[in-house]
Structure formats: C-alpha cells, structure tokens
Amino acid sequence: MEKELDGKRALELELQQLRKRLTVLKQVEASIKKLREMDIKLEEVEELFSYYLIRVNKSNNDLKDARKEQI
C-alpha cells in the first residue's frame, strides 16, 4: 500500500511539473507571436521610411534643379 502511495505521489509530482512546463511553453509561444507581430510592424515602418527617404531625395533634387534654373 505504501508503494502505491509513493507511486501516486510521484505521478502527481510529475503531473505538476508537466503542467508548469506547459505553462512556460504557452508563455514562450505568446512571446514568439508578439515578436513576429512586432517584426511585421518593423518591416512596415522600414518600408515607409525608405519611401519617405526617396521622396525627400527627389524633392531635394527638384529644389536643386529649380535653383539652377533661376541662376
């Protein structure tokens, strides 16, 4: 009977450990999901930055050309 209790306790302990691991894995999964979402947003911001940088360069070139024409 004592062996049965020890076996049951061991199983309960293992079950608790597995539940803790599962909780940690779920937290890691949630963190990975957030990181992926942030990565997508970062890519969008980088694309916008590149677009505006190109626009600024074009505007600067247009201004230079206009100045040259005035001279």
N, C-alpha and C. Protein backbone atom coordinates (compact mmCIF):
# COMPACT_ATOMS: atom_id res chain seq x y z
N MET A 1 0.81 -1.19 0.00
CA MET A 1 0.00 0.00 0.00
C MET A 1 0.87 1.26 0.00
N GLU A 2 1.96 1.21 0.73
CA GLU A 2 2.85 2.37 0.79
C GLU A 2 3.49 2.61 -0.56
N LYS A 3 3.83 1.54 -1.28
CA LYS A 3 4.41 1.68 -2.62
C LYS A 3 3.41 2.34 -3.56
N GLU A 4 2.14 1.99 -3.41
CA GLU A 4 1.11 2.59 -4.25
C GLU A 4 1.01 4.09 -3.98
N LEU A 5 1.09 4.48 -2.71
CA LEU A 5 1.04 5.90 -2.35
C LEU A 5 2.26 6.64 -2.90
N ASP A 6 3.43 6.02 -2.79
CA ASP A 6 4.65 6.63 -3.33
C ASP A 6 4.53 6.79 -4.85
N GLY A 7 4.02 5.76 -5.49
CA GLY A 7 3.83 5.83 -6.95
C GLY A 7 2.84 6.92 -7.33
N LYS A 8 1.77 7.02 -6.56
CA LYS A 8 0.76 8.05 -6.81
C LYS A 8 1.37 9.45 -6.60
N ARG A 9 2.13 9.61 -5.54
CA ARG A 9 2.77 10.90 -5.26
C ARG A 9 3.75 11.27 -6.37
N ALA A 10 4.49 10.27 -6.83
CA ALA A 10 5.45 10.51 -7.91
C ALA A 10 4.72 10.95 -9.18
N LEU A 11 3.60 10.30 -9.47
CA LEU A 11 2.81 10.68 -10.65
C LEU A 11 2.23 12.08 -10.50
N GLU A 12 1.76 12.41 -9.31
CA GLU A 12 1.20 13.74 -9.07
C GLU A 12 2.29 14.81 -9.21
N LEU A 13 3.47 14.50 -8.70
CA LEU A 13 4.58 15.43 -8.82
C LEU A 13 4.97 15.62 -10.28
N GLU A 14 5.02 14.53 -11.01
CA GLU A 14 5.35 14.61 -12.43
C GLU A 14 4.29 15.40 -13.18
N LEU A 15 3.03 15.19 -12.83
CA LEU A 15 1.93 15.93 -13.46
C LEU A 15 2.06 17.43 -13.18
N GLN A 16 2.41 17.78 -11.96
CA GLN A 16 2.60 19.20 -11.61
C GLN A 16 3.74 19.80 -12.43
N GLN A 17 4.82 19.05 -12.54
CA GLN A 17 5.96 19.54 -13.32
C GLN A 17 5.59 19.71 -14.79
N LEU A 18 4.83 18.77 -15.32
CA LEU A 18 4.41 18.87 -16.71
C LEU A 18 3.49 20.07 -16.92
N ARG A 19 2.62 20.33 -15.96
CA ARG A 19 1.72 21.49 -16.05
C ARG A 19 2.53 22.79 -16.04
N LYS A 20 3.56 22.84 -15.19
CA LYS A 20 4.41 24.02 -15.15
C LYS A 20 5.13 24.22 -16.48
N ARG A 21 5.63 23.12 -17.03
CA ARG A 21 6.31 23.20 -18.33
C ARG A 21 5.35 23.68 -19.41
N LEU A 22 4.13 23.17 -19.37
CA LEU A 22 3.12 23.58 -20.35
C LEU A 22 2.83 25.07 -20.23
N THR A 23 2.74 25.56 -19.01
CA THR A 23 2.51 26.99 -18.79
C THR A 23 3.65 27.81 -19.36
N VAL A 24 4.86 27.38 -19.12
CA VAL A 24 6.03 28.09 -19.65
C VAL A 24 6.02 28.06 -21.17
N LEU A 25 5.71 26.91 -21.76
CA LEU A 25 5.67 26.79 -23.21
C LEU A 25 4.61 27.72 -23.81
N LYS A 26 3.47 27.82 -23.14
CA LYS A 26 2.41 28.73 -23.62
C LYS A 26 2.88 30.18 -23.56
N GLN A 27 3.60 30.53 -22.50
CA GLN A 27 4.14 31.89 -22.39
C GLN A 27 5.17 32.16 -23.47
N VAL A 28 6.01 31.18 -23.75
CA VAL A 28 7.01 31.32 -24.80
C VAL A 28 6.32 31.48 -26.15
N GLU A 29 5.29 30.68 -26.40
CA GLU A 29 4.53 30.79 -27.65
C GLU A 29 3.94 32.17 -27.81
N ALA A 30 3.35 32.70 -26.73
CA ALA A 30 2.77 34.04 -26.78
C ALA A 30 3.83 35.09 -27.05
N SER A 31 4.99 34.93 -26.46
CA SER A 31 6.09 35.88 -26.69
C SER A 31 6.57 35.81 -28.13
N ILE A 32 6.67 34.62 -28.67
CA ILE A 32 7.09 34.46 -30.06
C ILE A 32 6.08 35.11 -30.99
N LYS A 33 4.81 34.93 -30.70
CA LYS A 33 3.76 35.54 -31.52
C LYS A 33 3.88 37.07 -31.49
N LYS A 34 4.09 37.63 -30.31
CA LYS A 34 4.25 39.08 -30.19
C LYS A 34 5.48 39.56 -30.96
N LEU A 35 6.57 38.81 -30.87
CA LEU A 35 7.78 39.18 -31.59
C LEU A 35 7.56 39.15 -33.10
N ARG A 36 6.83 38.17 -33.57
CA ARG A 36 6.54 38.10 -35.01
C ARG A 36 5.70 39.30 -35.45
N GLU A 37 4.70 39.65 -34.63
CA GLU A 37 3.87 40.81 -34.94
C GLU A 37 4.70 42.09 -34.95
N MET A 38 5.60 42.20 -33.99
CA MET A 38 6.47 43.38 -33.93
C MET A 38 7.41 43.42 -35.12
N ASP A 39 7.89 42.27 -35.56
CA ASP A 39 8.77 42.19 -36.72
C ASP A 39 8.04 42.66 -37.97
N ILE A 40 6.79 42.27 -38.12
CA ILE A 40 5.98 42.70 -39.26
C ILE A 40 5.80 44.21 -39.23
N LYS A 41 5.50 44.75 -38.05
CA LYS A 41 5.33 46.20 -37.93
C LYS A 41 6.64 46.93 -38.23
N LEU A 42 7.74 46.37 -37.77
CA LEU A 42 9.05 46.97 -38.05
C LEU A 42 9.31 47.00 -39.55
N GLU A 43 9.00 45.93 -40.24
CA GLU A 43 9.19 45.89 -41.69
C GLU A 43 8.35 46.96 -42.37
N GLU A 44 7.11 47.14 -41.88
CA GLU A 44 6.23 48.17 -42.45
C GLU A 44 6.82 49.57 -42.23
N VAL A 45 7.34 49.81 -41.05
CA VAL A 45 7.95 51.10 -40.74
C VAL A 45 9.19 51.32 -41.61
N GLU A 46 9.99 50.29 -41.78
CA GLU A 46 11.18 50.40 -42.62
C GLU A 46 10.80 50.73 -44.06
N GLU A 47 9.74 50.10 -44.56
CA GLU A 47 9.29 50.38 -45.92
C GLU A 47 8.83 51.83 -46.04
N LEU A 48 8.07 52.31 -45.06
CA LEU A 48 7.63 53.70 -45.08
C LEU A 48 8.82 54.65 -45.01
N PHE A 49 9.76 54.33 -44.16
CA PHE A 49 10.96 55.17 -44.04
C PHE A 49 11.68 55.25 -45.38
N SER A 50 11.84 54.13 -46.03
CA SER A 50 12.52 54.10 -47.33
C SER A 50 11.74 54.94 -48.35
N TYR A 51 10.43 54.80 -48.34
CA TYR A 51 9.58 55.57 -49.25
C TYR A 51 9.76 57.07 -49.02
N TYR A 52 9.70 57.49 -47.75
CA TYR A 52 9.84 58.91 -47.46
C TYR A 52 11.26 59.42 -47.74
N LEU A 53 12.23 58.59 -47.51
CA LEU A 53 13.60 58.97 -47.83
C LEU A 53 13.76 59.22 -49.32
N ILE A 54 13.17 58.36 -50.13
CA ILE A 54 13.21 58.54 -51.58
C ILE A 54 12.49 59.83 -51.96
N ARG A 55 11.35 60.08 -51.34
CA ARG A 55 10.60 61.31 -51.62
C ARG A 55 11.41 62.55 -51.24
N VAL A 56 12.06 62.52 -50.10
CA VAL A 56 12.87 63.66 -49.66
C VAL A 56 14.02 63.89 -50.63
N ASN A 57 14.68 62.82 -51.04
CA ASN A 57 15.77 62.96 -52.00
C ASN A 57 15.29 63.54 -53.32
N LYS A 58 14.13 63.08 -53.78
CA LYS A 58 13.57 63.61 -55.03
C LYS A 58 13.24 65.08 -54.87
N SER A 59 12.64 65.44 -53.75
CA SER A 59 12.31 66.86 -53.50
C SER A 59 13.57 67.71 -53.47
N ASN A 60 14.60 67.22 -52.82
CA ASN A 60 15.87 67.95 -52.78
C ASN A 60 16.45 68.13 -54.17
N ASN A 61 16.39 67.08 -54.97
CA ASN A 61 16.89 67.18 -56.34
C ASN A 61 16.07 68.18 -57.15
N ASP A 62 14.75 68.16 -56.97
CA ASP A 62 13.89 69.11 -57.66
C ASP A 62 14.23 70.54 -57.25
N LEU A 63 14.47 70.74 -55.96
CA LEU A 63 14.84 72.08 -55.48
C LEU A 63 16.18 72.53 -56.07
N LYS A 64 17.13 71.62 -56.13
CA LYS A 64 18.43 71.95 -56.73
C LYS A 64 18.27 72.34 -58.19
N ASP A 65 17.45 71.57 -58.91
CA ASP A 65 17.21 71.88 -60.33
C ASP A 65 16.53 73.24 -60.48
N ALA A 66 15.58 73.53 -59.62
CA ALA A 66 14.89 74.82 -59.68
C ALA A 66 15.84 75.96 -59.38
N ARG A 67 16.73 75.77 -58.44
CA ARG A 67 17.72 76.81 -58.12
C ARG A 67 18.66 77.06 -59.30
N LYS A 68 19.07 75.96 -59.95
CA LYS A 68 19.95 76.08 -61.10
C LYS A 68 19.29 76.86 -62.22
N GLU A 69 17.99 76.63 -62.40
CA GLU A 69 17.26 77.32 -63.46
C GLU A 69 17.15 78.82 -63.14
N GLN A 70 17.08 79.17 -61.88
CA GLN A 70 16.97 80.57 -61.51
C GLN A 70 18.28 81.32 -61.73
N ILE A 71 19.37 80.60 -61.64
CA ILE A 71 20.69 81.23 -61.79
C ILE A 71 21.04 81.44 -63.21
